[in-house]
Every structure is written in C-alpha cells, then in structure tokens.
Amino acid sequence: MRQETGRLAYEAGRAAEGAVERIYARAGRQIIARRWRGPAGEIDLVARDGAEIIFIEVKASRTHAEAAQHLSAQQMGRIYRSASAFLAGEPLGQLTPVRFDVALVNGAGEIEILENAFAA
C-alpha cells in the first residue's frame, strides 16, 4: 500500500511539472533542465528567458494555499545552493540574471505561478 501511495505521488508530481513546463514553453521560455540535481537537492524545472535563468519549484496539493505551505525556508535554502551550482556552468556564472518562481498546482489541476517568489 505504501509503495502504491508513493508511486501515485511521484506520478502526480511528474504530471504537475509537465503542466507547468507547458505554460512556460507557451510563453516562449526554453526549458533547459528537468529535475536538475545539485549538491543541495533537486530543482524541478530550469528555464531560460533571454539572458535570465528561471528556477521553478512546483508544489501540488489540494488547494493553492496548501501547496504554498509545503515550501519551507530550509527548502528554499537548498534550492538557492543548488541554483548556485547550476550557475557555475553559465557563461556569466553567479552574475547571470536569475529569478525563482513557485508554481502552485491545486487538486483540479489549476496552476498559479508566483514569479520571483523568493524575493524579500
């Protein structure tokens, strides 16, 4: 039973990421990495918009509010550290313009994208 629940959660996460990816692609942003694994953890999607790199964290739950609650400060720190490693491979390195988006997916499959969500 537990393996089945884990498999279903994995597949739901993949479906949510695919739906978010299609939104970015339709907006003309090139997806350059999926489930990119850095030293501190995974980044769900990485997109390029001109010179800017967009790191996208996808959160799915019954409601958008519940999905947003699943993103912790600790997880944001891990995403920052992995993003820094990703930028090491970019021509401008740490000087590359970046933004961190969060895509919230509710139980009905509706998507709300919070651009620059990590900004203070």
Protein backbone atom coordinates (compact mmCIF):
# COMPACT_ATOMS: atom_id res chain seq x y z
CA MET A 1 0.00 0.00 0.00
CA ARG A 2 2.76 2.45 0.92
CA GLN A 3 4.65 1.77 -2.31
CA GLU A 4 1.46 2.42 -4.29
CA THR A 5 0.89 5.72 -2.47
CA GLY A 6 4.49 6.76 -3.19
CA ARG A 7 4.18 5.82 -6.84
CA LEU A 8 0.94 7.80 -7.18
CA ALA A 9 2.53 10.85 -5.52
CA TYR A 10 5.53 10.57 -7.86
CA GLU A 11 3.29 10.37 -10.94
CA ALA A 12 1.14 13.29 -9.73
CA GLY A 13 4.30 15.35 -9.25
CA ARG A 14 5.53 14.50 -12.73
CA ALA A 15 2.14 15.45 -14.21
CA ALA A 16 2.13 18.78 -12.33
CA GLU A 17 5.67 19.55 -13.52
CA GLY A 18 4.68 18.70 -17.10
CA ALA A 19 1.70 21.05 -16.98
CA VAL A 20 3.85 23.86 -15.56
CA GLU A 21 6.52 23.20 -18.19
CA ARG A 22 3.93 23.62 -20.96
CA ILE A 23 2.90 27.03 -19.56
CA TYR A 24 6.48 28.28 -19.63
CA ALA A 25 7.07 26.85 -23.11
CA ARG A 26 3.90 28.54 -24.44
CA ALA A 27 5.22 31.81 -23.01
CA GLY A 28 8.36 31.39 -25.11
CA ARG A 29 10.69 30.25 -22.35
CA GLN A 30 13.03 27.39 -23.11
CA ILE A 31 13.10 24.58 -20.56
CA ILE A 32 16.78 23.72 -20.19
CA ALA A 33 16.61 21.23 -17.30
CA ARG A 34 14.07 19.00 -15.61
CA ARG A 35 14.58 17.70 -12.08
CA TRP A 36 18.12 19.07 -12.08
CA ARG A 37 20.11 17.63 -9.20
CA GLY A 38 22.59 19.89 -7.49
CA PRO A 39 24.72 19.32 -4.40
CA ALA A 40 21.98 20.53 -2.04
CA GLY A 41 18.97 18.99 -3.76
CA GLU A 42 16.74 18.98 -6.78
CA ILE A 43 15.32 21.87 -8.77
CA ASP A 44 12.09 20.87 -10.52
CA LEU A 45 12.46 22.95 -13.69
CA VAL A 46 15.01 25.40 -15.05
CA ALA A 47 14.02 27.73 -17.87
CA ARG A 48 15.80 30.34 -19.94
CA ASP A 49 14.19 33.64 -20.87
CA GLY A 50 16.77 35.50 -22.93
CA ALA A 51 19.76 36.01 -20.63
CA GLU A 52 17.73 35.23 -17.49
CA ILE A 53 17.60 31.82 -15.83
CA ILE A 54 14.37 30.91 -14.06
CA PHE A 55 14.48 28.27 -11.33
CA ILE A 56 10.99 26.82 -10.85
CA GLU A 57 9.75 24.90 -7.82
CA VAL A 58 6.47 23.05 -8.41
CA LYS A 59 4.21 22.41 -5.41
CA ALA A 60 0.98 20.44 -5.68
CA SER A 61 -1.73 19.93 -3.08
CA ARG A 62 -5.49 20.05 -2.67
CA THR A 63 -5.52 23.87 -2.74
CA HIS A 64 -3.03 26.51 -3.85
CA ALA A 65 -2.72 27.68 -0.23
CA GLU A 66 -1.85 24.17 0.97
CA ALA A 67 0.66 23.79 -1.85
CA ALA A 68 2.36 27.06 -0.85
CA GLN A 69 2.65 25.86 2.74
CA HIS A 70 4.77 22.91 1.58
CA LEU A 71 7.66 25.24 0.69
CA SER A 72 9.87 25.77 3.73
CA ALA A 73 12.69 28.24 4.34
CA GLN A 74 15.03 25.25 4.61
CA GLN A 75 13.95 24.01 1.17
CA MET A 76 14.41 27.48 -0.32
CA GLY A 77 17.97 27.47 1.06
CA ARG A 78 18.66 24.13 -0.62
CA ILE A 79 17.26 25.45 -3.90
CA TYR A 80 19.48 28.56 -3.64
CA ARG A 81 22.57 26.39 -3.08
CA SER A 82 21.75 24.08 -5.98
CA ALA A 83 20.97 27.08 -8.21
CA SER A 84 24.38 28.49 -7.38
CA ALA A 85 25.95 25.23 -8.58
CA PHE A 86 23.87 25.36 -11.78
CA LEU A 87 25.04 28.93 -12.46
CA ALA A 88 28.66 27.79 -12.31
CA GLY A 89 28.06 26.32 -15.77
CA GLU A 90 26.65 29.54 -17.22
CA PRO A 91 28.90 31.98 -19.15
CA LEU A 92 28.30 34.79 -16.61
CA GLY A 93 28.37 32.42 -13.64
CA GLN A 94 26.98 33.99 -10.48
CA LEU A 95 26.39 37.26 -12.36
CA THR A 96 23.69 35.61 -14.52
CA PRO A 97 20.31 37.30 -14.04
CA VAL A 98 18.03 34.86 -12.21
CA ARG A 99 14.64 34.55 -10.65
CA PHE A 100 12.98 31.91 -8.51
CA ASP A 101 9.37 31.08 -9.34
CA VAL A 102 6.97 28.83 -7.47
CA ALA A 103 4.20 27.09 -9.42
CA LEU A 104 1.25 26.03 -7.27
CA VAL A 105 -0.98 23.26 -8.61
CA ASN A 106 -4.30 22.50 -6.92
CA GLY A 107 -6.32 19.29 -6.93
CA ALA A 108 -8.26 20.43 -10.00
CA GLY A 109 -5.02 20.91 -11.94
CA GLU A 110 -5.27 24.71 -11.89
CA ILE A 111 -1.88 26.40 -11.84
CA GLU A 112 -0.89 29.64 -10.16
CA ILE A 113 2.63 30.88 -10.89
CA LEU A 114 4.29 33.18 -8.38
CA GLU A 115 7.09 34.90 -10.26
CA ASN A 116 10.15 35.92 -8.27
CA ALA A 117 8.57 34.21 -5.25
CA PHE A 118 11.77 34.07 -3.19
CA ALA A 119 12.33 37.85 -3.32
CA ALA A 120 12.39 39.54 0.06
